[in-house]
Structure formats: C-alpha cells, structure tokens
Amino acid sequence: MARLSSIVEKTARPITFDVLVEGLRSLGLAIDANVLVHASLSKIGWIPGGAQTLIEALLEVVGSGGTVVMPTFSTDLTDPKDWHNPPVPEKWWTIVRDNLPAYDPLKTPTRGVGIVSECFRSWPGAIRSKHPHTSFAARGANAELITNTHALASPLGGQSPLAILYNLDASVLFLGTGFATNSCFHLAEDNIPNMPLSAEGAPLMNNGGREWVRFHDNKYDSSDFEECGAAFESSENPKRGKIGSASCYIFSIRSAVQFARTWLPHNRK
C-alpha cells in the first residue's frame, strides 16, 4: 500500500487509456506492428485499471493486424540446485524436483517479469510458448507463428520466439525499463563462439505423465547488457520519449540483435 501511495504522489494526473494510446502512437508504435514489450507499471505512474488498461492500450494501437508479445518467464520451475534468491538446502532438492507442478502454459505463473506480463499471459486470445523457463506470450495476427516453435535447449536462440520476431523485423518497446533486461540481446549471445553450457531441468508433461526432464542450455548472461545497450543507443539512436513518468524506447529488434552480435564477442569479459 505504501508503494502505491508513493506512485500516486508522483503522478501529476492519472495515466488513462487515452493518454497511453496517444503516448504509444507518438513514440512510434504503429498499426499492424509486431512488438516485443518490456514494461514497468510503477515507472509509468498511476493508471486507472493498471496492467489491464496498459495491455488494452497496446492492443488498440497495433490493431487486429498487429501482435503484442511479452516475456512470461517462469524461473520457479528451474532446477533448485541453481536457486539463489532464495537458495534452498541441498537435502530439499530431490523433494522439490519431485513435487513442482509440471509446466502448463495456462496455469504456470510468471516470475520476475512484472505484473503486466503476469496479466498478459492469461489474456483472452493470448498464446504462450511451451518452454518451461523462458516462455513468451503473444496475442494478435502472428501470435501462433511466434509461439509455435520453442526449443527446449538454447531457448533464446534460433528456434525461439525471439528468432521469429527477428525474422519479422519486429519492434522492441521499453516502457520504463532498460537494456539491462532486454531479452532480445540473448538471441545475439547464440552467435558467441564456445558459449558455456549449463545443466538444466524442468517438470514437464511427457508421455501422458509428469516427468523431471533434464537438458543442456546455453549459459546466458545479461550482466553486460546495459553496457551493450548504451553502445547501441549511442550508435543507433533509437527513438525515445515519455509516457507518464516513464522513459520509453522503441527500436528494431533486427538492428539491436545485429549490433549485439558484433559488440558482445569483442567486449564481453
């Protein structure tokens, strides 16, 4: 409640549906666009209706020919041996693996991607991809195309929703977020030679029953994304603006990934 009071106090006037639509259009979000959205509701200001109103505004702006996409990651279903926030005792690991519910695109909640993505994953008409850790949800004309292919290994690489968005030359939209959490840079990581691998696992429905499935994945690392983003911003000058109190960016996913494919191998420490 205290946080909500703080947001109200910092908002000059309510950020209504009409204000959001006007702001999104002024920023450059176009009709029929395919757009990957990263949003921080609290950074925008107080919105009557909150996440629901923001999602409705995004869908209004892109129209029936466009597609809105959001990360709907579910890191609660990762292997407990890798948990750090908080860690769990090693003697719990087998119990956790045996009792985590199997990933279900309709039921499994998101974690760490914000209330807007959590609301969007179950939006009427939204389709969620099938990866248990790094799913994406999409609604619109290309939703099925974007979410249909999602490989268990290398889930942010060439057989992922990010790759389809790249092929569509989709836009990336930051609403109060920044490059540190820019998921599309992970697609560029797949081009780094000798990417380290990590042993992963997840509870999945397999052959009609629940099973703990083990697989290997690239060891993705976002620790230098903010630095890469600053270099991209300096070089490519993506369009910037304000919606409510939030600093916002919109840019081509293709230009960002192409830039990161050059920058990361030469600058990653």
Protein backbone atom coordinates (compact mmCIF):
# COMPACT_ATOMS: atom_id res chain seq x y z
CA MET A 1 0.00 0.00 0.00
CA ALA A 2 2.87 2.35 0.80
CA ARG A 3 4.35 1.80 -2.65
CA LEU A 4 1.01 2.51 -4.33
CA SER A 5 0.70 5.74 -2.31
CA SER A 6 4.15 6.75 -3.50
CA ILE A 7 3.17 6.14 -7.15
CA VAL A 8 0.01 8.24 -6.71
CA GLU A 9 2.00 11.07 -5.12
CA LYS A 10 4.47 11.12 -8.01
CA THR A 11 1.76 11.14 -10.71
CA ALA A 12 0.63 14.60 -11.84
CA ARG A 13 -2.63 13.24 -13.26
CA PRO A 14 -3.98 9.71 -13.86
CA ILE A 15 -2.46 7.99 -16.89
CA THR A 16 -5.68 6.98 -18.65
CA PHE A 17 -6.26 4.67 -21.60
CA ASP A 18 -6.43 7.66 -23.98
CA VAL A 19 -3.16 9.07 -22.60
CA LEU A 20 -1.45 5.71 -23.09
CA VAL A 21 -2.75 5.32 -26.66
CA GLU A 22 -1.61 8.82 -27.59
CA GLY A 23 1.78 8.27 -25.96
CA LEU A 24 2.36 4.94 -27.69
CA ARG A 25 1.47 6.38 -31.09
CA SER A 26 3.65 9.44 -30.54
CA LEU A 27 6.55 7.18 -29.59
CA GLY A 28 6.22 5.40 -32.93
CA LEU A 29 4.26 2.21 -32.20
CA ALA A 30 2.37 1.64 -35.44
CA ILE A 31 -0.77 -0.10 -36.60
CA ASP A 32 -0.10 -3.73 -37.62
CA ALA A 33 3.22 -3.74 -35.73
CA ASN A 34 4.73 -6.86 -34.19
CA VAL A 35 6.13 -5.62 -30.89
CA LEU A 36 8.05 -7.20 -28.01
CA VAL A 37 7.12 -5.27 -24.87
CA HIS A 38 9.07 -4.86 -21.63
CA ALA A 39 7.06 -2.78 -19.16
CA SER A 40 7.37 -1.49 -15.60
CA LEU A 41 3.91 -0.38 -14.50
CA SER A 42 5.17 1.56 -11.48
CA LYS A 43 7.57 3.65 -13.59
CA ILE A 44 4.73 4.89 -15.81
CA GLY A 45 2.64 6.26 -12.96
CA TRP A 46 -0.85 5.63 -11.62
CA ILE A 47 -3.03 4.07 -14.32
CA PRO A 48 -6.74 3.53 -13.65
CA GLY A 49 -7.09 -0.19 -14.26
CA GLY A 50 -3.34 -0.80 -14.05
CA ALA A 51 -1.92 -3.61 -16.19
CA GLN A 52 -5.29 -4.31 -17.82
CA THR A 53 -5.55 -0.76 -19.15
CA LEU A 54 -1.98 -0.78 -20.44
CA ILE A 55 -2.50 -4.06 -22.30
CA GLU A 56 -5.75 -2.79 -23.80
CA ALA A 57 -3.92 0.35 -25.00
CA LEU A 58 -1.14 -1.70 -26.61
CA LEU A 59 -3.66 -3.91 -28.42
CA GLU A 60 -5.64 -0.86 -29.55
CA VAL A 61 -2.58 0.78 -31.09
CA VAL A 62 -1.33 -2.26 -33.06
CA GLY A 63 -4.86 -3.22 -34.11
CA SER A 64 -6.11 -6.58 -35.34
CA GLY A 65 -3.24 -6.89 -37.84
CA GLY A 66 -0.53 -6.43 -35.21
CA THR A 67 0.84 -8.67 -32.49
CA VAL A 68 1.87 -7.85 -28.92
CA VAL A 69 4.48 -10.15 -27.34
CA MET A 70 5.83 -10.27 -23.78
CA PRO A 71 8.30 -12.47 -21.89
CA THR A 72 6.44 -14.74 -19.47
CA PHE A 73 9.40 -16.45 -17.82
CA SER A 74 8.79 -18.96 -15.03
CA THR A 75 12.07 -19.40 -13.17
CA ASP A 76 10.28 -21.10 -10.26
CA LEU A 77 10.43 -24.24 -12.43
CA THR A 78 14.22 -24.27 -12.81
CA ASP A 79 16.44 -26.79 -11.05
CA PRO A 80 16.55 -25.98 -7.28
CA LYS A 81 20.31 -26.59 -7.28
CA ASP A 82 20.64 -23.24 -9.09
CA TRP A 83 18.33 -21.20 -6.87
CA HIS A 84 19.92 -18.20 -5.18
CA ASN A 85 17.02 -15.89 -4.34
CA PRO A 86 16.45 -17.59 -2.00
CA PRO A 87 18.60 -20.75 -2.07
CA VAL A 88 17.14 -23.95 -0.65
CA PRO A 89 19.05 -26.63 1.30
CA GLU A 90 20.59 -29.40 -0.81
CA LYS A 91 18.59 -32.01 1.12
CA TRP A 92 15.43 -30.39 -0.33
CA TRP A 93 16.47 -30.61 -3.99
CA THR A 94 15.06 -34.05 -4.75
CA ILE A 95 11.83 -33.27 -2.90
CA VAL A 96 11.41 -30.04 -4.88
CA ARG A 97 12.15 -31.74 -8.21
CA ASP A 98 9.60 -34.47 -7.43
CA ASN A 99 6.84 -32.07 -6.38
CA LEU A 100 6.99 -29.00 -8.61
CA PRO A 101 3.88 -28.91 -10.81
CA ALA A 102 4.53 -29.63 -14.49
CA TYR A 103 4.75 -26.58 -16.70
CA ASP A 104 1.33 -25.58 -18.01
CA PRO A 105 1.12 -22.56 -20.35
CA LEU A 106 -2.33 -21.73 -18.97
CA LYS A 107 -1.60 -22.16 -15.26
CA THR A 108 2.09 -21.60 -14.54
CA PRO A 109 2.66 -18.10 -13.13
CA THR A 110 5.46 -15.82 -14.25
CA ARG A 111 8.32 -14.77 -12.01
CA GLY A 112 10.48 -11.67 -12.17
CA VAL A 113 8.95 -10.14 -15.31
CA GLY A 114 6.40 -7.82 -13.71
CA ILE A 115 2.66 -7.58 -13.26
CA VAL A 116 1.98 -6.60 -16.88
CA SER A 117 3.42 -9.86 -18.23
CA GLU A 118 1.67 -11.82 -15.48
CA CYS A 119 -1.64 -10.27 -16.54
CA PHE A 120 -0.93 -10.75 -20.24
CA ARG A 121 -0.08 -14.49 -20.07
CA SER A 122 -3.74 -15.36 -19.43
CA TRP A 123 -5.27 -12.61 -21.59
CA PRO A 124 -8.15 -13.86 -23.77
CA GLY A 125 -6.70 -14.91 -27.12
CA ALA A 126 -3.09 -14.91 -25.93
CA ILE A 127 -0.91 -17.91 -26.83
CA ARG A 128 2.02 -18.87 -24.62
CA SER A 129 5.01 -20.83 -25.89
CA LYS A 130 5.88 -24.19 -24.38
CA HIS A 131 9.29 -23.61 -22.80
CA PRO A 132 9.10 -24.21 -19.01
CA HIS A 133 11.65 -21.49 -18.13
CA THR A 134 11.66 -18.80 -20.82
CA SER A 135 8.24 -18.74 -22.45
CA PHE A 136 6.80 -15.81 -24.36
CA ALA A 137 3.11 -14.93 -24.73
CA ALA A 138 1.68 -13.32 -27.84
CA ARG A 139 -1.70 -12.03 -28.92
CA GLY A 140 -2.58 -10.93 -32.42
CA ALA A 141 -2.21 -11.81 -36.06
CA ASN A 142 1.17 -13.56 -35.74
CA ALA A 143 0.74 -14.98 -32.23
CA GLU A 144 0.69 -18.63 -33.33
CA LEU A 145 3.66 -18.20 -35.66
CA ILE A 146 5.71 -16.51 -32.94
CA THR A 147 4.99 -19.01 -30.16
CA ASN A 148 4.73 -22.26 -32.13
CA THR A 149 8.45 -23.14 -32.16
CA HIS A 150 10.39 -23.06 -28.89
CA ALA A 151 13.27 -25.49 -28.49
CA LEU A 152 13.99 -26.91 -25.04
CA ALA A 153 17.74 -26.36 -25.45
CA SER A 154 19.02 -22.90 -26.42
CA PRO A 155 15.54 -21.47 -25.78
CA LEU A 156 16.50 -17.87 -26.60
CA GLY A 157 18.28 -18.78 -29.82
CA GLY A 158 17.46 -19.83 -33.35
CA GLN A 159 14.38 -21.93 -32.53
CA SER A 160 12.70 -19.45 -30.21
CA PRO A 161 10.03 -16.74 -30.38
CA LEU A 162 12.89 -14.21 -30.45
CA ALA A 163 14.14 -15.68 -33.73
CA ILE A 164 10.66 -15.41 -35.27
CA LEU A 165 10.40 -11.79 -34.09
CA TYR A 166 13.80 -11.14 -35.67
CA ASN A 167 12.62 -12.63 -38.97
CA LEU A 168 9.52 -10.40 -38.81
CA ASP A 169 11.72 -7.36 -38.03
CA ALA A 170 9.53 -6.65 -35.01
CA SER A 171 9.86 -3.62 -32.79
CA VAL A 172 11.09 -3.72 -29.21
CA LEU A 173 9.33 -1.38 -26.80
CA PHE A 174 10.64 -0.41 -23.37
CA LEU A 175 8.06 1.21 -21.08
CA GLY A 176 10.03 2.31 -18.04
CA THR A 177 12.57 -0.49 -18.45
CA GLY A 178 16.06 -0.53 -19.94
CA PHE A 179 18.66 -2.55 -21.78
CA ALA A 180 19.73 -4.48 -18.67
CA THR A 181 16.60 -6.63 -19.09
CA ASN A 182 16.47 -6.54 -22.89
CA SER A 183 15.61 -10.14 -23.75
CA CYS A 184 16.40 -9.81 -27.46
CA PHE A 185 20.14 -9.46 -26.73
CA HIS A 186 20.04 -13.14 -25.70
CA LEU A 187 19.44 -14.01 -29.35
CA ALA A 188 22.78 -12.38 -30.15
CA GLU A 189 24.50 -14.49 -27.48
CA ASP A 190 23.87 -17.60 -29.55
CA ASN A 191 26.46 -16.30 -32.02
CA ILE A 192 29.23 -16.07 -29.42
CA PRO A 193 31.76 -18.85 -30.09
CA ASN A 194 32.06 -21.59 -27.46
CA MET A 195 29.17 -20.40 -25.31
CA PRO A 196 29.34 -22.30 -21.99
CA LEU A 197 26.54 -24.75 -21.29
CA SER A 198 24.63 -25.38 -18.10
CA ALA A 199 22.77 -28.50 -16.98
CA GLU A 200 19.07 -27.69 -16.61
CA GLY A 201 15.89 -29.47 -15.67
CA ALA A 202 12.17 -28.82 -15.51
CA PRO A 203 8.92 -30.62 -14.67
CA LEU A 204 7.08 -31.40 -17.92
CA MET A 205 4.16 -33.48 -19.07
CA ASN A 206 5.74 -36.29 -21.08
CA ASN A 207 4.01 -39.39 -22.50
CA GLY A 208 0.88 -38.58 -20.55
CA GLY A 209 2.57 -38.13 -17.17
CA ARG A 210 4.65 -35.67 -15.20
CA GLU A 211 8.40 -36.11 -15.55
CA TRP A 212 11.52 -34.21 -14.47
CA VAL A 213 13.25 -33.65 -17.81
CA ARG A 214 16.97 -32.88 -17.95
CA PHE A 215 18.57 -30.92 -20.78
CA HIS A 216 21.51 -28.62 -21.53
CA ASP A 217 21.14 -24.94 -22.23
CA ASN A 218 23.40 -22.05 -23.10
CA LYS A 219 24.60 -20.28 -20.00
CA TYR A 220 23.04 -16.94 -20.84
CA ASP A 221 24.49 -13.85 -19.16
CA SER A 222 22.83 -10.44 -19.09
CA SER A 223 25.43 -8.75 -16.87
CA ASP A 224 26.84 -6.70 -19.77
CA PHE A 225 23.52 -5.94 -21.50
CA GLU A 226 23.31 -2.45 -20.01
CA GLU A 227 26.78 -1.63 -21.36
CA CYS A 228 25.91 -3.13 -24.73
CA GLY A 229 22.66 -1.17 -24.75
CA ALA A 230 24.45 2.10 -24.04
CA ALA A 231 26.75 1.45 -27.00
CA PHE A 232 23.75 0.55 -29.20
CA GLU A 233 21.92 3.69 -28.12
CA SER A 234 24.94 5.85 -28.87
CA SER A 235 25.41 4.26 -32.29
CA GLU A 236 21.84 3.70 -33.50
CA ASN A 237 19.92 6.41 -31.59
CA PRO A 238 16.63 4.55 -31.00
CA LYS A 239 13.53 6.70 -30.68
CA ARG A 240 12.92 7.88 -27.13
CA GLY A 241 10.03 9.53 -25.37
CA LYS A 242 7.99 9.76 -22.19
CA ILE A 243 4.72 8.11 -21.29
CA GLY A 244 3.59 9.29 -17.91
CA SER A 245 6.74 9.36 -15.79
CA ALA A 246 8.43 6.53 -17.70
CA SER A 247 11.37 6.88 -20.05
CA CYS A 248 10.49 4.82 -23.12
CA TYR A 249 12.36 3.46 -26.14
CA ILE A 250 11.30 1.82 -29.39
CA PHE A 251 13.66 0.22 -31.89
CA SER A 252 14.01 -2.59 -34.42
CA ILE A 253 14.83 -5.98 -32.92
CA ARG A 254 16.88 -6.75 -36.01
CA SER A 255 19.10 -3.69 -35.62
CA ALA A 256 19.60 -4.39 -31.89
CA VAL A 257 20.49 -8.06 -32.37
CA GLN A 258 22.82 -7.31 -35.30
CA PHE A 259 24.60 -4.69 -33.19
CA ALA A 260 24.90 -7.03 -30.20
CA ARG A 261 26.21 -9.87 -32.39
CA THR A 262 29.21 -7.68 -33.17
CA TRP A 263 29.57 -5.98 -29.78
CA LEU A 264 29.27 -8.95 -27.40
CA PRO A 265 32.05 -11.21 -28.78
CA HIS A 266 34.51 -8.31 -28.78
CA ASN A 267 33.59 -6.72 -25.45
CA ARG A 268 32.37 -9.49 -23.15
CA LYS A 269 34.85 -10.03 -20.34
